[in-house]
């Protein structure tokens, strides 16, 4: 009787079990999409947020209520405050270009 056959059969059964587990494994990353929001710095009065549905929100009046230290940079201080406000809605930083900050939020489908 050939002694190599039991090891070959064990290897084949092991590979089959591996592939069956892979087929039925949950794919969590495939179910996630993102929506994006843009914060546009256009001076304190005209800074606005562009929401995923296309709505534009001017946030200058809200930003003016903040107590900015005298020597702090306007743009950095107020954009930081806007970003912190959006993180409370579940957004996270995604990128930056010139005067735009892009943030994203995961959606489940």
N, C-alpha and C. Protein backbone atom coordinates (compact mmCIF):
# COMPACT_ATOMS: atom_id res chain seq x y z
N UNK A 1 0.84 -1.18 0.00
CA UNK A 1 0.00 0.00 0.00
C UNK A 1 0.88 1.25 0.00
N UNK A 2 0.54 2.24 -0.79
CA UNK A 2 1.33 3.45 -0.95
C UNK A 2 1.05 4.43 0.18
N UNK A 3 2.09 4.89 0.89
CA UNK A 3 1.95 5.77 2.04
C UNK A 3 1.70 7.23 1.65
N UNK A 4 1.92 7.64 0.39
CA UNK A 4 1.77 9.04 -0.02
C UNK A 4 0.31 9.43 -0.20
N UNK A 5 -0.56 8.50 -0.48
CA UNK A 5 -1.97 8.82 -0.74
C UNK A 5 -2.69 9.49 0.42
N UNK A 6 -2.52 9.07 1.67
CA UNK A 6 -3.24 9.75 2.77
C UNK A 6 -2.84 11.23 2.89
N UNK A 7 -1.58 11.55 2.67
CA UNK A 7 -1.14 12.94 2.75
C UNK A 7 -1.68 13.78 1.61
N UNK A 8 -1.78 13.21 0.44
CA UNK A 8 -2.35 13.93 -0.70
C UNK A 8 -3.82 14.20 -0.46
N UNK A 9 -4.53 13.20 0.05
CA UNK A 9 -5.95 13.40 0.34
C UNK A 9 -6.15 14.44 1.44
N UNK A 10 -5.30 14.44 2.44
CA UNK A 10 -5.40 15.45 3.50
C UNK A 10 -5.16 16.86 2.94
N UNK A 11 -4.19 16.97 2.05
CA UNK A 11 -3.90 18.27 1.43
C UNK A 11 -5.08 18.74 0.58
N UNK A 12 -5.68 17.83 -0.19
CA UNK A 12 -6.82 18.18 -1.04
C UNK A 12 -8.01 18.61 -0.17
N UNK A 13 -8.29 17.88 0.89
CA UNK A 13 -9.39 18.21 1.78
C UNK A 13 -9.13 19.55 2.48
N UNK A 14 -7.90 19.79 2.88
CA UNK A 14 -7.54 21.06 3.51
C UNK A 14 -7.73 22.24 2.57
N UNK A 15 -7.32 22.09 1.31
CA UNK A 15 -7.50 23.16 0.32
C UNK A 15 -8.99 23.42 0.05
N UNK A 16 -9.76 22.34 -0.06
CA UNK A 16 -11.20 22.50 -0.28
C UNK A 16 -11.84 23.23 0.89
N UNK A 17 -11.49 22.88 2.11
CA UNK A 17 -12.04 23.54 3.29
C UNK A 17 -11.66 25.02 3.30
N UNK A 18 -10.43 25.33 2.91
CA UNK A 18 -9.97 26.72 2.85
C UNK A 18 -10.81 27.52 1.86
N UNK A 19 -11.02 26.98 0.66
CA UNK A 19 -11.78 27.71 -0.36
C UNK A 19 -13.25 27.84 0.00
N UNK A 20 -13.83 26.83 0.64
CA UNK A 20 -15.23 26.93 1.09
C UNK A 20 -15.36 28.03 2.14
N UNK A 21 -14.42 28.11 3.06
CA UNK A 21 -14.46 29.17 4.08
C UNK A 21 -14.33 30.54 3.44
N UNK A 22 -13.50 30.67 2.44
CA UNK A 22 -13.32 31.95 1.74
C UNK A 22 -14.59 32.36 1.01
N UNK A 23 -15.30 31.42 0.44
CA UNK A 23 -16.52 31.72 -0.30
C UNK A 23 -17.60 32.26 0.63
N UNK A 24 -17.74 31.67 1.81
CA UNK A 24 -18.80 32.05 2.73
C UNK A 24 -18.39 33.12 3.74
N UNK A 25 -17.16 33.58 3.67
CA UNK A 25 -16.71 34.61 4.60
C UNK A 25 -17.40 35.94 4.29
N UNK A 26 -17.68 36.72 5.33
CA UNK A 26 -18.33 38.03 5.16
C UNK A 26 -17.33 39.01 4.57
N UNK A 27 -17.80 39.82 3.65
CA UNK A 27 -16.97 40.83 3.02
C UNK A 27 -17.44 42.20 3.48
N UNK A 28 -16.93 42.66 4.61
CA UNK A 28 -17.40 43.92 5.20
C UNK A 28 -17.00 45.13 4.37
N UNK A 29 -15.82 45.13 3.77
CA UNK A 29 -15.36 46.30 3.03
C UNK A 29 -16.17 46.53 1.75
N UNK A 30 -16.71 45.49 1.17
CA UNK A 30 -17.47 45.64 -0.06
C UNK A 30 -18.81 46.33 0.15
N UNK A 31 -19.26 46.46 1.38
CA UNK A 31 -20.55 47.06 1.66
C UNK A 31 -20.46 48.53 2.07
N UNK A 32 -19.29 49.11 2.01
CA UNK A 32 -19.10 50.47 2.48
C UNK A 32 -18.89 51.42 1.30
N UNK A 33 -19.62 52.52 1.32
CA UNK A 33 -19.41 53.60 0.37
C UNK A 33 -19.15 54.87 1.18
N UNK A 34 -18.85 55.94 0.51
CA UNK A 34 -18.56 57.20 1.20
C UNK A 34 -19.35 58.33 0.59
N UNK A 35 -19.65 59.33 1.42
CA UNK A 35 -20.16 60.59 0.92
C UNK A 35 -19.16 61.66 1.35
N UNK A 36 -19.04 62.69 0.54
CA UNK A 36 -18.01 63.69 0.76
C UNK A 36 -18.63 65.06 0.99
N UNK A 37 -17.91 65.86 1.74
CA UNK A 37 -18.33 67.21 2.03
C UNK A 37 -17.11 68.11 1.84
N UNK A 38 -17.32 69.33 1.36
CA UNK A 38 -16.22 70.25 1.11
C UNK A 38 -16.41 71.50 1.94
N UNK A 39 -15.34 71.92 2.60
CA UNK A 39 -15.32 73.20 3.31
C UNK A 39 -14.49 74.14 2.45
N UNK A 40 -15.06 75.26 2.05
CA UNK A 40 -14.36 76.22 1.19
C UNK A 40 -14.11 77.50 1.96
N UNK A 41 -12.83 77.85 2.12
CA UNK A 41 -12.46 79.10 2.78
C UNK A 41 -12.54 80.22 1.75
N UNK A 42 -13.39 81.22 2.05
CA UNK A 42 -13.53 82.39 1.17
C UNK A 42 -13.64 83.64 2.05
N UNK A 43 -12.80 83.69 3.07
CA UNK A 43 -12.89 84.77 4.04
C UNK A 43 -13.92 84.40 5.10
N UNK A 44 -13.88 85.09 6.20
CA UNK A 44 -14.75 84.74 7.32
C UNK A 44 -16.23 84.84 6.96
N UNK A 45 -16.63 85.85 6.23
CA UNK A 45 -18.05 86.03 5.90
C UNK A 45 -18.56 85.04 4.87
N UNK A 46 -17.70 84.58 3.99
CA UNK A 46 -18.16 83.74 2.87
C UNK A 46 -17.72 82.28 2.95
N UNK A 47 -17.15 81.85 4.05
CA UNK A 47 -16.76 80.44 4.18
C UNK A 47 -18.01 79.60 4.15
N UNK A 48 -17.97 78.54 3.36
CA UNK A 48 -19.17 77.72 3.20
C UNK A 48 -18.84 76.24 3.13
N UNK A 49 -19.87 75.44 3.40
CA UNK A 49 -19.77 73.99 3.37
C UNK A 49 -20.68 73.51 2.24
N UNK A 50 -20.13 72.66 1.38
CA UNK A 50 -20.92 72.07 0.31
C UNK A 50 -21.22 70.63 0.72
N UNK A 51 -22.47 70.36 0.95
CA UNK A 51 -22.92 69.05 1.45
C UNK A 51 -23.11 68.08 0.29
N UNK A 52 -23.19 66.77 0.58
CA UNK A 52 -23.30 65.76 -0.46
C UNK A 52 -24.47 65.95 -1.43
N UNK A 53 -25.58 66.45 -0.96
CA UNK A 53 -26.73 66.64 -1.83
C UNK A 53 -26.66 67.90 -2.67
N UNK A 54 -25.60 68.69 -2.52
CA UNK A 54 -25.44 69.92 -3.28
C UNK A 54 -25.86 71.17 -2.53
N UNK A 55 -26.37 71.01 -1.30
CA UNK A 55 -26.75 72.18 -0.52
C UNK A 55 -25.48 72.93 -0.09
N UNK A 56 -25.55 74.25 -0.13
CA UNK A 56 -24.43 75.09 0.30
C UNK A 56 -24.85 75.82 1.56
N UNK A 57 -24.02 75.70 2.59
CA UNK A 57 -24.28 76.31 3.89
C UNK A 57 -23.20 77.34 4.17
N UNK A 58 -23.56 78.60 4.32
CA UNK A 58 -22.59 79.62 4.70
C UNK A 58 -22.46 79.59 6.22
N UNK A 59 -21.24 79.36 6.71
CA UNK A 59 -21.02 79.15 8.14
C UNK A 59 -20.32 80.31 8.82
N UNK A 60 -20.15 81.43 8.11
CA UNK A 60 -19.45 82.58 8.67
C UNK A 60 -20.10 83.11 9.94
N UNK A 61 -21.42 83.14 9.98
CA UNK A 61 -22.09 83.67 11.18
C UNK A 61 -21.82 82.79 12.41
N UNK A 62 -21.74 81.48 12.20
CA UNK A 62 -21.41 80.58 13.30
C UNK A 62 -19.96 80.74 13.73
N UNK A 63 -19.08 80.92 12.76
CA UNK A 63 -17.66 81.05 13.07
C UNK A 63 -17.36 82.35 13.80
N UNK A 64 -18.12 83.40 13.49
CA UNK A 64 -17.89 84.69 14.15
C UNK A 64 -18.16 84.64 15.64
N UNK A 65 -18.97 83.69 16.08
CA UNK A 65 -19.29 83.56 17.51
C UNK A 65 -18.12 83.01 18.33
N UNK A 66 -17.14 82.43 17.64
CA UNK A 66 -15.99 81.85 18.35
C UNK A 66 -15.06 82.95 18.86
N UNK A 67 -14.40 82.68 19.95
CA UNK A 67 -13.45 83.62 20.53
C UNK A 67 -12.04 83.27 20.04
N UNK A 68 -11.62 83.91 18.95
CA UNK A 68 -10.31 83.63 18.34
C UNK A 68 -9.23 84.43 19.06
N UNK A 69 -8.15 83.76 19.45
CA UNK A 69 -7.02 84.49 20.04
C UNK A 69 -6.45 85.51 19.03
N UNK A 70 -5.97 86.62 19.53
CA UNK A 70 -5.52 87.72 18.68
C UNK A 70 -4.45 87.31 17.67
N UNK A 71 -3.49 86.51 18.08
CA UNK A 71 -2.37 86.20 17.19
C UNK A 71 -2.58 84.94 16.36
N UNK A 72 -3.74 84.29 16.47
CA UNK A 72 -4.02 83.09 15.69
C UNK A 72 -4.38 83.47 14.25
N UNK A 73 -3.98 82.65 13.32
CA UNK A 73 -4.28 82.86 11.90
C UNK A 73 -5.77 82.63 11.66
N UNK A 74 -6.43 83.58 11.00
CA UNK A 74 -7.88 83.47 10.75
C UNK A 74 -8.23 82.19 10.00
N UNK A 75 -7.59 81.97 8.87
CA UNK A 75 -7.93 80.84 8.01
C UNK A 75 -7.78 79.51 8.75
N UNK A 76 -6.63 79.32 9.39
CA UNK A 76 -6.38 78.06 10.09
C UNK A 76 -7.34 77.86 11.25
N UNK A 77 -7.56 78.91 12.02
CA UNK A 77 -8.42 78.80 13.20
C UNK A 77 -9.84 78.44 12.81
N UNK A 78 -10.40 79.17 11.85
CA UNK A 78 -11.81 78.96 11.49
C UNK A 78 -12.04 77.68 10.70
N UNK A 79 -11.09 77.31 9.84
CA UNK A 79 -11.24 76.03 9.13
C UNK A 79 -11.15 74.86 10.10
N UNK A 80 -10.28 74.99 11.09
CA UNK A 80 -10.18 73.95 12.12
C UNK A 80 -11.49 73.82 12.87
N UNK A 81 -12.10 74.94 13.21
CA UNK A 81 -13.38 74.91 13.93
C UNK A 81 -14.46 74.26 13.07
N UNK A 82 -14.49 74.57 11.78
CA UNK A 82 -15.47 73.97 10.88
C UNK A 82 -15.26 72.46 10.77
N UNK A 83 -14.01 72.04 10.67
CA UNK A 83 -13.71 70.61 10.61
C UNK A 83 -14.15 69.90 11.88
N UNK A 84 -13.89 70.50 13.03
CA UNK A 84 -14.29 69.89 14.30
C UNK A 84 -15.80 69.75 14.39
N UNK A 85 -16.52 70.73 13.87
CA UNK A 85 -17.97 70.64 13.86
C UNK A 85 -18.46 69.49 12.99
N UNK A 86 -17.81 69.27 11.86
CA UNK A 86 -18.23 68.20 10.95
C UNK A 86 -17.83 66.82 11.46
N UNK A 87 -16.78 66.73 12.27
CA UNK A 87 -16.42 65.42 12.84
C UNK A 87 -17.51 64.96 13.81
N UNK A 88 -18.24 65.88 14.40
CA UNK A 88 -19.35 65.50 15.27
C UNK A 88 -20.49 64.85 14.48
N UNK A 89 -20.52 65.09 13.17
CA UNK A 89 -21.52 64.48 12.28
C UNK A 89 -21.00 63.18 11.68
N UNK A 90 -19.79 62.77 12.05
CA UNK A 90 -19.24 61.51 11.57
C UNK A 90 -18.27 61.63 10.41
N UNK A 91 -17.92 62.84 10.00
CA UNK A 91 -16.98 63.02 8.89
C UNK A 91 -15.55 62.94 9.39
N UNK A 92 -14.65 62.54 8.49
CA UNK A 92 -13.22 62.52 8.79
C UNK A 92 -12.47 63.15 7.63
N UNK A 93 -11.29 63.64 7.89
CA UNK A 93 -10.47 64.31 6.88
C UNK A 93 -10.16 63.35 5.74
N UNK A 94 -10.31 63.84 4.50
CA UNK A 94 -10.01 63.02 3.32
C UNK A 94 -8.94 63.65 2.44
N UNK A 95 -8.85 64.98 2.43
CA UNK A 95 -7.86 65.63 1.58
C UNK A 95 -7.98 67.13 1.63
N UNK A 96 -7.00 67.80 1.01
CA UNK A 96 -6.97 69.25 1.01
C UNK A 96 -6.37 69.74 -0.29
N UNK A 97 -6.95 70.80 -0.84
CA UNK A 97 -6.42 71.42 -2.05
C UNK A 97 -6.67 72.92 -1.96
N UNK A 98 -5.62 73.70 -2.01
CA UNK A 98 -5.69 75.16 -1.92
C UNK A 98 -6.57 75.60 -0.74
N UNK A 99 -7.74 76.14 -1.03
CA UNK A 99 -8.62 76.63 0.03
C UNK A 99 -9.78 75.68 0.33
N UNK A 100 -9.70 74.45 -0.11
CA UNK A 100 -10.75 73.46 0.12
C UNK A 100 -10.26 72.36 1.04
N UNK A 101 -11.13 71.95 1.95
CA UNK A 101 -10.88 70.77 2.77
C UNK A 101 -11.99 69.79 2.45
N UNK A 102 -11.62 68.58 2.10
CA UNK A 102 -12.58 67.54 1.77
C UNK A 102 -12.63 66.55 2.93
N UNK A 103 -13.84 66.23 3.34
CA UNK A 103 -14.04 65.27 4.42
C UNK A 103 -14.98 64.19 3.92
N UNK A 104 -14.91 63.00 4.51
CA UNK A 104 -15.75 61.90 4.07
C UNK A 104 -16.40 61.21 5.26
N UNK A 105 -17.52 60.53 4.95
CA UNK A 105 -18.24 59.77 5.97
C UNK A 105 -18.66 58.46 5.34
N UNK A 106 -18.44 57.36 6.06
CA UNK A 106 -18.79 56.04 5.54
C UNK A 106 -20.30 55.84 5.55
N UNK A 107 -20.78 55.22 4.49
CA UNK A 107 -22.18 54.84 4.36
C UNK A 107 -22.26 53.35 4.22
N UNK A 108 -23.25 52.73 4.82
CA UNK A 108 -23.46 51.30 4.60
C UNK A 108 -24.59 51.14 3.60
N UNK A 109 -24.42 50.21 2.71
CA UNK A 109 -25.42 50.02 1.65
C UNK A 109 -26.39 48.95 2.00
